[in-house]
Amino acid sequence: MNLKYINKDLALKYLDYDIKLYKNILEGFKEQYTNLNFLKLEDSSFYKEVHQLKSLSKNIGANQLYKLAEDMNKNKHRELEIQLQEILANVLSEIEKVSIQEITTTNILNINEESKEELFEQILNGAIKNRPKKVEEPLEKLKTLKNLTEEEKNLIKKLDKEIKVYNFKNIVNILS
């Protein structure tokens, strides 16, 4: 599906390809902004909401909305509030169309050789710092990849075995 207002690839990159987090942010965004009308807000509420919208729109990959909210927040003006409301409506409409399968497919297709290396690097850094989550998350991402060599598959199996017993020292040794 070709989306005009949401760039899933960019959003997933900002979120370190965390599909679950992206789904949660999309749901939260939809819940927060579906019934909000910026045109009816007083200035103090308006600018608080625009400030929040700026951050959240970047996280979901709604770049056009992000840039407009950023400008309105920075320059404290409401001249483009009608355009803001219209773009927000279009973003919300696209959120309804985005399926989880598409998000997952986008994620898998966009991880390339360099990203595999980055994921192994993240595992190493997490193991050095004794941080289980920083090892488990990139390891789970690696497991979903289709283009792994046999050597990489075996390496992932070894790492998986070591993380289950929280043997960070062995993980560091394996990856060094």
Protein backbone atom coordinates (compact mmCIF):
# COMPACT_ATOMS: atom_id res chain seq x y z
CA MET A 1 0.00 0.00 0.00
CA ASN A 2 1.32 3.41 -0.96
CA LEU A 3 0.72 5.96 1.77
CA LYS A 4 0.93 9.70 1.21
CA TYR A 5 0.97 11.00 4.79
CA ILE A 6 2.74 8.24 6.73
CA ASN A 7 6.23 6.93 5.99
CA LYS A 8 6.41 3.55 7.77
CA ASP A 9 10.04 3.01 6.82
CA LEU A 10 11.09 6.28 8.43
CA ALA A 11 8.99 5.65 11.53
CA LEU A 12 10.41 2.16 12.01
CA LYS A 13 13.92 3.54 11.60
CA TYR A 14 13.24 6.16 14.34
CA LEU A 15 11.89 3.38 16.55
CA ASP A 16 14.81 1.02 15.92
CA TYR A 17 12.52 -1.29 13.91
CA ASP A 18 10.42 -2.08 16.96
CA ILE A 19 7.16 -3.21 15.34
CA LYS A 20 5.30 -3.65 18.64
CA LEU A 21 6.20 -0.13 19.74
CA TYR A 22 5.12 1.27 16.36
CA LYS A 23 1.75 -0.49 16.62
CA ASN A 24 1.27 0.92 20.13
CA ILE A 25 2.19 4.44 19.05
CA LEU A 26 -0.20 4.26 16.08
CA GLU A 27 -3.02 3.10 18.36
CA GLY A 28 -2.25 5.80 20.93
CA PHE A 29 -2.05 8.46 18.23
CA LYS A 30 -5.40 7.40 16.81
CA GLU A 31 -6.99 7.37 20.26
CA GLN A 32 -5.58 10.77 21.23
CA TYR A 33 -6.35 12.69 18.04
CA THR A 34 -9.49 11.13 16.52
CA ASN A 35 -11.86 13.47 18.35
CA LEU A 36 -9.56 16.46 18.84
CA ASN A 37 -10.42 19.61 16.94
CA PHE A 38 -7.52 22.07 16.99
CA LEU A 39 -9.79 24.82 15.63
CA LYS A 40 -11.81 24.88 18.87
CA LEU A 41 -8.89 25.01 21.30
CA GLU A 42 -7.84 28.11 23.21
CA ASP A 43 -4.25 29.25 22.69
CA SER A 44 -2.77 27.65 25.83
CA SER A 45 -4.32 24.26 25.06
CA PHE A 46 -3.64 24.63 21.35
CA TYR A 47 0.12 25.04 21.76
CA LYS A 48 0.38 22.19 24.29
CA GLU A 49 -1.42 19.88 21.87
CA VAL A 50 0.66 21.08 18.90
CA HIS A 51 3.84 20.43 20.87
CA GLN A 52 2.69 16.87 21.62
CA LEU A 53 1.51 16.36 18.06
CA LYS A 54 4.94 17.38 16.80
CA SER A 55 6.68 14.59 18.70
CA LEU A 56 4.11 11.89 18.06
CA SER A 57 3.75 12.67 14.36
CA LYS A 58 7.50 12.22 13.92
CA ASN A 59 7.34 8.86 15.70
CA ILE A 60 4.67 7.55 13.34
CA GLY A 61 6.42 8.86 10.22
CA ALA A 62 3.89 11.63 9.47
CA ASN A 63 6.59 14.00 8.27
CA GLN A 64 4.36 16.65 6.69
CA LEU A 65 2.29 16.89 9.87
CA TYR A 66 5.47 16.95 11.96
CA LYS A 67 6.99 19.85 9.98
CA LEU A 68 3.80 21.90 10.17
CA ALA A 69 3.39 21.27 13.91
CA GLU A 70 7.07 22.06 14.48
CA ASP A 71 6.73 25.40 12.68
CA MET A 72 3.53 26.30 14.54
CA ASN A 73 5.06 25.32 17.87
CA LYS A 74 8.32 27.19 17.26
CA ASN A 75 6.79 30.39 15.91
CA LYS A 76 3.64 30.33 18.08
CA HIS A 77 1.19 31.03 15.27
CA ARG A 78 -2.17 29.58 14.31
CA GLU A 79 -2.33 30.78 10.70
CA LEU A 80 -2.23 27.25 9.31
CA GLU A 81 -4.48 25.56 11.87
CA ILE A 82 -7.05 24.60 9.22
CA GLN A 83 -4.30 22.91 7.19
CA LEU A 84 -3.05 21.23 10.39
CA GLN A 85 -6.52 19.81 11.08
CA GLU A 86 -6.87 18.58 7.47
CA ILE A 87 -3.48 16.87 7.42
CA LEU A 88 -4.24 15.31 10.81
CA ALA A 89 -7.50 13.92 9.39
CA ASN A 90 -5.59 12.43 6.44
CA VAL A 91 -2.99 10.88 8.75
CA LEU A 92 -5.74 9.35 10.90
CA SER A 93 -7.38 7.98 7.77
CA GLU A 94 -4.13 6.34 6.70
CA ILE A 95 -3.62 4.85 10.16
CA GLU A 96 -6.91 3.01 9.66
CA LYS A 97 -5.51 1.54 6.43
CA VAL A 98 -2.15 0.45 7.80
CA SER A 99 -2.16 -3.24 8.56
CA ILE A 100 0.21 -4.96 10.93
CA GLN A 101 1.20 -7.41 8.18
CA GLU A 102 2.34 -4.47 6.04
CA ILE A 103 4.36 -3.05 8.91
CA THR A 104 6.03 -6.41 9.48
CA THR A 105 6.74 -6.89 5.77
CA THR A 106 8.18 -3.39 5.48
CA ASN A 107 10.41 -4.11 8.44
CA ILE A 108 11.77 -7.36 7.04
CA LEU A 109 12.35 -5.98 3.55
CA ASN A 110 14.26 -2.96 4.83
CA ILE A 111 16.79 -4.79 6.96
CA ASN A 112 19.88 -5.16 4.80
CA GLU A 113 23.42 -6.46 5.33
CA GLU A 114 24.47 -3.31 7.15
CA SER A 115 21.49 -3.61 9.48
CA LYS A 116 22.39 -7.21 10.27
CA GLU A 117 25.81 -5.98 11.34
CA GLU A 118 24.18 -3.23 13.39
CA LEU A 119 21.96 -5.81 15.13
CA PHE A 120 24.97 -7.97 16.00
CA GLU A 121 26.72 -4.82 17.27
CA GLN A 122 23.68 -4.00 19.44
CA ILE A 123 23.81 -7.52 20.89
CA LEU A 124 27.51 -7.11 21.69
CA ASN A 125 26.97 -3.72 23.33
CA GLY A 126 24.05 -5.07 25.35
CA ALA A 127 26.12 -8.04 26.50
CA ILE A 128 29.04 -5.81 27.49
CA LYS A 129 26.64 -3.77 29.65
CA ASN A 130 24.87 -6.89 31.01
CA ARG A 131 21.50 -5.68 29.69
CA PRO A 132 19.27 -8.65 28.76
CA LYS A 133 16.70 -6.60 26.86
CA LYS A 134 19.44 -4.94 24.78
CA VAL A 135 20.56 -8.43 23.75
CA GLU A 136 17.16 -10.11 23.36
CA GLU A 137 15.48 -7.47 21.16
CA PRO A 138 18.07 -7.35 18.35
CA LEU A 139 18.43 -11.14 18.58
CA GLU A 140 14.67 -11.54 18.00
CA LYS A 141 14.91 -9.19 15.00
CA LEU A 142 17.73 -11.26 13.56
CA LYS A 143 15.65 -14.44 13.92
CA THR A 144 12.96 -12.97 11.64
CA LEU A 145 15.33 -12.38 8.74
CA LYS A 146 15.04 -14.59 5.69
CA ASN A 147 18.45 -13.86 4.14
CA LEU A 148 20.70 -15.35 6.81
CA THR A 149 23.71 -17.46 5.94
CA GLU A 150 24.21 -20.82 7.64
CA GLU A 151 27.03 -19.31 9.65
CA GLU A 152 24.75 -16.49 10.84
CA LYS A 153 21.99 -18.97 11.73
CA ASN A 154 24.43 -21.00 13.82
CA LEU A 155 25.72 -17.86 15.49
CA ILE A 156 22.17 -16.81 16.37
CA LYS A 157 21.50 -20.26 17.88
CA LYS A 158 24.61 -19.95 20.05
CA LEU A 159 23.66 -16.45 21.16
CA ASP A 160 20.10 -17.55 21.90
CA LYS A 161 21.39 -20.37 24.09
CA GLU A 162 23.66 -18.00 26.04
CA ILE A 163 21.07 -15.27 26.60
CA LYS A 164 18.65 -17.82 28.06
CA VAL A 165 21.11 -18.33 30.94
CA TYR A 166 22.24 -14.66 30.94
CA ASN A 167 25.81 -15.59 30.12
CA PHE A 168 26.91 -12.18 28.86
CA LYS A 169 30.61 -13.01 29.05
CA ASN A 170 30.17 -15.87 26.54
CA ILE A 171 28.10 -13.63 24.26
CA VAL A 172 30.90 -11.07 24.25
CA ASN A 173 33.45 -13.84 23.53
CA ILE A 174 31.34 -15.29 20.71
CA LEU A 175 30.93 -11.90 19.01
CA SER A 176 34.49 -10.65 19.57
